[in-house]
Amino acid sequence: MNKNNRTTNVKKGGKWTMKYKKSINCKNPKGFSQKQYCKYGRKKQKKQTKKRNIKM
């Protein structure tokens, strides 16, 4: 009955799926978390994609 014997691919910590992130409408965010994601999270994604495009 050792918990260490289990192998799972689920990461703890409240990570959102990419599908959910794409489904958020930043023109009309619902709830505090979506508002914060639209305010800060989208900016991070845009910067990362710009960096990737420059490297290629």
Foldseek 3Di string as FASTA:
>chain_A
DDPVVDDDPDDDDDDDDPVVLVPADQVDGDDDVSVVCSVPVVVVVVVVVVVVVVVD
